[in-house]
Each structure stands twice: as structure tokens, then as C-alpha cells.
Amino acid sequence: MNKCIYCSGPLFSPEEVAGMQAIAQTLEQSGFTTFLPHRDGLEAYVVKYINTPLNTRLLGIRKSIDQAIFALDVYQIVQCCHAIVVNLNGRIPDEGAIVEASIAWSCSKPVLFYKNDPRAPFYGRDNAMILGLTSHSIISDLSAIPKRLDRIVAKNRSRKTVINLEGSLATTVTLGKKIWTLMKPLGYMKQKNTQQMENLIQQIVQSCDEFSMRKDH
């Protein structure tokens, strides 16, 4: 089975997107499969669609979509991926990426930091609470990531880590798995029409509503 790597980092400018795509491409060329949120997650399906002011029929659902994005990403990290590569480049590390790294760390998934940016807030070092999420040295050479991950993942799998899903983590992973199942049929289609996207969004919102109701009881 191919080893799947979650690629985490900033995605808020063309340069940041290109940087994340370069990480994913480097891994894929070495035989890994990758989950890249803006390409494979809900961002690629619905975010641009619901952000348009012309789509008045879908107003007021952004909270549910945010919840769905979180659940899907947690599911990918906890259940589907063997490790996470976190791009620390930037004036400060991306907040979402640090949350994702923290989730991976809490589940004993290997965390590998990539950084070729000299900027750091503490005399050339990043925050100790960030650095503590990995036992591996930060890697600065993009081409060296696959070889390092091969060793890290092999070592981690030999430990046969068992993840106990309980409480909010368990219910969030369940929601994320359901959303992933809803998305997969559309993923095989080259063209997605408006009605298909609206149906997907409505199913996602309904799933999130049901999830919230279970949490409240």
C-alpha cells in the first residue's frame, strides 16, 4: 500500500500555493500519495462556489462548511495519512498548519517540518511549542523530504501505534469520513455542474447539522 502524506502549510497566495504543490509533487514523484487540502479537500469543491455574492440560495451556511472542512482534514490526518509534512515558511507559521501538526502529534503520527525561510521570531528559532511537535530535525532541502519520510514512516509503522478514538475526536472523524464519502463520486467527474455542487453542499450541511445535534444530546 502506498504511504499517504498529509501536506500542510499556508495557501493564501499564489506563491504559497505553488510552494505546497511543489512539496506534494516531490513526494508523488517518489511514490507517495498525498492529501493536499486545496486540491483534494472541500476547498477544491465548494469554497469558491459559496463565496460568490451571487449565490444567494447558499447564504448562511459558511459555519457548516467550516465545520466540514475541519472534520474532513482531521479524518485525513488521523485515519488516512501515515505522516504529515508541515511547511513552516513565512513570517510566522500558518495557524491552521500548526493545528494540523498538533492533531497528528497527539495521534502519534510522524511530523516533519520543512523550512527554507530564515525568518523566525526568537533569534532564529521558532516557538518551542511548535518545535516540540516533532522529534526530527527541520529539513530545508525539498528534494530530501521523500528519503527522510521513508525512514520516519517505516520506523513509526514498526511501533504498531494504535489510535484510540474517543469523545470529540471520534465523532469528528466519523463526520469527516462521511463527507469524504459524499465527495468521492464527484472526484471522478471531469466536469461538475451547478446542480451537482448544490446537492453536495446540501448533503454536507445536513451531515453537519446531524453531527451538531448528536453533540448537543
Protein backbone atom coordinates (compact mmCIF):
# COMPACT_ATOMS: atom_id res chain seq x y z
CA MET A 1 0.00 0.00 0.00
CA ASN A 2 1.29 3.46 -0.89
CA LYS A 3 2.25 5.63 2.03
CA CYS A 4 -0.01 8.69 2.21
CA ILE A 5 1.35 12.02 3.41
CA TYR A 6 -0.74 14.97 4.53
CA CYS A 7 0.76 18.20 3.14
CA SER A 8 0.12 21.13 5.45
CA GLY A 9 1.01 24.80 5.14
CA PRO A 10 -0.08 28.27 4.03
CA LEU A 11 -2.35 28.54 0.98
CA PHE A 12 -3.31 32.21 0.87
CA SER A 13 -1.30 33.50 -2.08
CA PRO A 14 -0.16 32.11 -5.45
CA GLU A 15 3.38 31.78 -4.10
CA GLU A 16 2.20 29.79 -1.08
CA VAL A 17 0.03 27.53 -3.23
CA ALA A 18 2.98 26.91 -5.56
CA GLY A 19 5.17 26.03 -2.59
CA MET A 20 2.67 23.47 -1.32
CA GLN A 21 2.22 21.99 -4.78
CA ALA A 22 5.99 21.61 -5.06
CA ILE A 23 6.07 19.62 -1.80
CA ALA A 24 3.25 17.34 -2.97
CA GLN A 25 4.81 16.86 -6.40
CA THR A 26 8.18 15.97 -4.89
CA LEU A 27 6.55 13.32 -2.72
CA GLU A 28 4.39 11.92 -5.52
CA GLN A 29 7.38 11.59 -7.84
CA SER A 30 8.97 9.40 -5.15
CA GLY A 31 5.98 7.05 -4.92
CA PHE A 32 4.00 8.60 -2.08
CA THR A 33 0.36 9.56 -2.33
CA THR A 34 -0.56 12.93 -0.85
CA PHE A 35 -3.51 14.81 0.54
CA LEU A 36 -3.24 18.48 -0.38
CA PRO A 37 -6.21 20.37 1.15
CA HIS A 38 -6.76 23.00 -1.55
CA ARG A 39 -6.58 20.31 -4.25
CA ASP A 40 -8.18 17.29 -2.60
CA GLY A 41 -10.33 18.72 0.19
CA LEU A 42 -13.55 20.69 0.32
CA GLU A 43 -11.71 23.84 -0.70
CA ALA A 44 -11.49 22.44 -4.23
CA TYR A 45 -15.21 21.70 -4.34
CA VAL A 46 -17.32 24.27 -2.58
CA VAL A 47 -15.45 27.20 -1.01
CA LYS A 48 -15.18 29.30 -4.18
CA TYR A 49 -18.74 28.44 -5.03
CA ILE A 50 -20.28 29.55 -1.74
CA ASN A 51 -18.12 32.67 -1.50
CA THR A 52 -19.74 34.28 -4.53
CA PRO A 53 -22.24 37.02 -3.57
CA LEU A 54 -24.43 35.92 -6.48
CA ASN A 55 -25.30 32.61 -4.87
CA THR A 56 -27.99 33.85 -2.51
CA ARG A 57 -29.51 30.38 -2.10
CA LEU A 58 -26.50 29.26 -0.09
CA LEU A 59 -26.15 32.22 2.25
CA GLY A 60 -25.73 31.42 5.94
CA ILE A 61 -24.07 28.02 5.60
CA ARG A 62 -20.43 29.04 5.92
CA LYS A 63 -20.33 27.86 9.55
CA SER A 64 -21.32 24.35 8.45
CA ILE A 65 -18.77 24.38 5.63
CA ASP A 66 -16.01 25.43 8.05
CA GLN A 67 -17.06 22.59 10.35
CA ALA A 68 -16.99 20.18 7.42
CA ILE A 69 -13.52 21.34 6.32
CA PHE A 70 -12.21 20.78 9.85
CA ALA A 71 -13.79 17.32 10.12
CA LEU A 72 -12.52 16.18 6.72
CA ASP A 73 -8.97 17.33 7.44
CA VAL A 74 -9.00 15.67 10.87
CA TYR A 75 -10.22 12.43 9.28
CA GLN A 76 -7.42 12.55 6.70
CA ILE A 77 -4.76 13.18 9.34
CA VAL A 78 -6.00 10.61 11.86
CA GLN A 79 -7.25 7.79 9.67
CA CYS A 80 -5.79 8.06 6.17
CA CYS A 81 -2.29 9.52 6.30
CA HIS A 82 0.90 7.91 7.58
CA ALA A 83 2.65 11.21 8.35
CA ILE A 84 2.36 14.96 7.92
CA VAL A 85 4.78 17.36 6.26
CA VAL A 86 4.37 20.92 7.53
CA ASN A 87 5.64 23.90 5.56
CA LEU A 88 6.86 26.46 8.12
CA ASN A 89 7.86 29.07 5.55
CA GLY A 90 6.54 32.56 6.18
CA ARG A 91 6.99 35.38 8.64
CA ILE A 92 5.09 33.23 11.13
CA PRO A 93 3.92 29.63 10.65
CA ASP A 94 0.41 29.16 9.29
CA GLU A 95 -2.07 28.79 12.18
CA GLY A 96 -4.07 26.01 10.53
CA ALA A 97 -0.91 24.05 9.76
CA ILE A 98 0.13 24.13 13.42
CA VAL A 99 -3.30 22.85 14.47
CA GLU A 100 -2.97 20.03 11.94
CA ALA A 101 0.53 19.20 13.17
CA SER A 102 -0.76 19.16 16.76
CA ILE A 103 -3.54 16.73 15.83
CA ALA A 104 -1.03 14.46 14.10
CA TRP A 105 1.33 14.62 17.09
CA SER A 106 -1.47 13.77 19.53
CA CYS A 107 -2.19 10.64 17.46
CA SER A 108 1.48 9.62 17.35
CA LYS A 109 1.70 10.34 13.62
CA PRO A 110 5.16 11.47 12.46
CA VAL A 111 5.50 15.22 11.97
CA LEU A 112 8.21 16.53 9.64
CA PHE A 113 8.84 20.26 9.35
CA TYR A 114 10.11 21.78 6.11
CA LYS A 115 11.58 25.29 6.16
CA ASN A 116 13.96 27.12 3.86
CA ASP A 117 12.95 30.57 5.09
CA PRO A 118 15.40 32.27 7.52
CA ARG A 119 12.68 34.28 9.26
CA ALA A 120 11.88 33.18 12.82
CA PRO A 121 10.65 35.14 15.84
CA PHE A 122 13.07 34.01 18.57
CA TYR A 123 16.61 34.81 17.50
CA GLY A 124 16.41 32.50 14.51
CA ARG A 125 14.32 29.82 16.20
CA ASP A 126 10.60 29.11 16.07
CA ASN A 127 8.36 28.84 19.10
CA ALA A 128 9.30 25.94 21.38
CA MET A 129 5.66 24.79 21.43
CA ILE A 130 5.90 24.31 17.66
CA LEU A 131 9.33 22.67 17.66
CA GLY A 132 8.15 20.25 20.35
CA LEU A 133 5.70 18.66 17.91
CA THR A 134 8.47 16.72 16.19
CA SER A 135 11.50 14.72 17.24
CA HIS A 136 13.02 15.16 13.79
CA SER A 137 15.26 18.00 12.69
CA ILE A 138 13.78 20.61 10.36
CA ILE A 139 14.56 19.85 6.73
CA SER A 140 15.46 22.68 4.35
CA ASP A 141 16.08 20.75 1.12
CA LEU A 142 12.85 19.97 -0.71
CA SER A 143 14.37 17.06 -2.62
CA ALA A 144 15.47 15.38 0.61
CA ILE A 145 11.96 15.12 2.07
CA PRO A 146 10.97 11.75 0.49
CA LYS A 147 14.05 9.87 1.68
CA ARG A 148 13.68 11.25 5.20
CA LEU A 149 9.98 10.34 5.25
CA ASP A 150 10.71 6.79 4.11
CA ARG A 151 12.82 6.25 7.21
CA ILE A 152 10.44 8.04 9.55
CA VAL A 153 7.32 6.25 8.37
CA ALA A 154 9.00 2.83 8.37
CA LYS A 155 10.17 3.36 11.93
CA ASN A 156 6.76 4.56 13.07
CA ARG A 157 4.91 1.63 11.46
CA SER A 158 7.23 -0.82 13.21
CA ARG A 159 5.88 0.52 16.50
CA LYS A 160 2.33 -0.52 15.51
CA THR A 161 0.75 2.56 17.02
CA VAL A 162 -2.90 2.09 17.97
CA ILE A 163 -5.08 5.21 17.94
CA ASN A 164 -7.95 5.16 20.40
CA LEU A 165 -10.75 7.35 19.09
CA GLU A 166 -12.93 8.72 21.85
CA GLY A 167 -15.15 11.73 22.52
CA SER A 168 -14.98 14.68 20.15
CA LEU A 169 -12.15 13.18 18.13
CA ALA A 170 -14.18 10.07 17.37
CA THR A 171 -17.30 11.97 16.31
CA THR A 172 -15.28 14.44 14.23
CA VAL A 173 -13.50 11.62 12.40
CA THR A 174 -16.87 9.98 11.74
CA LEU A 175 -18.21 13.20 10.23
CA GLY A 176 -15.06 13.64 8.15
CA LYS A 177 -15.34 10.10 6.80
CA LYS A 178 -18.96 10.71 5.79
CA ILE A 179 -18.04 13.94 3.99
CA TRP A 180 -15.19 12.17 2.17
CA THR A 181 -17.65 9.50 1.05
CA LEU A 182 -20.04 12.17 -0.25
CA MET A 183 -17.24 13.88 -2.19
CA LYS A 184 -15.73 10.83 -3.88
CA PRO A 185 -18.29 10.36 -6.70
CA LEU A 186 -17.74 13.95 -7.84
CA GLY A 187 -13.99 13.43 -7.74
CA TYR A 188 -14.22 11.01 -10.66
CA MET A 189 -16.03 13.55 -12.85
CA LYS A 190 -14.08 15.90 -15.11
CA GLN A 191 -16.95 18.40 -15.22
CA LYS A 192 -19.14 19.31 -12.25
CA ASN A 193 -22.35 21.22 -12.89
CA THR A 194 -24.07 23.69 -10.60
CA GLN A 195 -26.78 21.28 -9.53
CA GLN A 196 -24.25 18.62 -8.52
CA MET A 197 -22.34 21.15 -6.42
CA GLU A 198 -25.51 22.40 -4.73
CA ASN A 199 -26.55 18.83 -3.94
CA LEU A 200 -23.15 18.12 -2.42
CA ILE A 201 -23.28 21.29 -0.32
CA GLN A 202 -26.77 20.47 0.93
CA GLN A 203 -25.70 16.96 1.89
CA ILE A 204 -22.68 18.33 3.73
CA VAL A 205 -24.77 20.90 5.62
CA GLN A 206 -27.29 18.22 6.58
CA SER A 207 -24.50 15.96 7.84
CA CYS A 208 -23.04 18.79 9.92
CA ASP A 209 -26.47 19.61 11.37
CA GLU A 210 -26.94 15.97 12.39
CA PHE A 211 -23.46 15.95 13.89
CA SER A 212 -24.20 19.09 15.93
CA MET A 213 -27.47 17.62 17.19
CA ARG A 214 -25.67 14.50 18.45
CA LYS A 215 -23.10 16.67 20.23
CA ASP A 216 -25.85 18.60 22.00
CA HIS A 217 -27.53 15.50 23.42
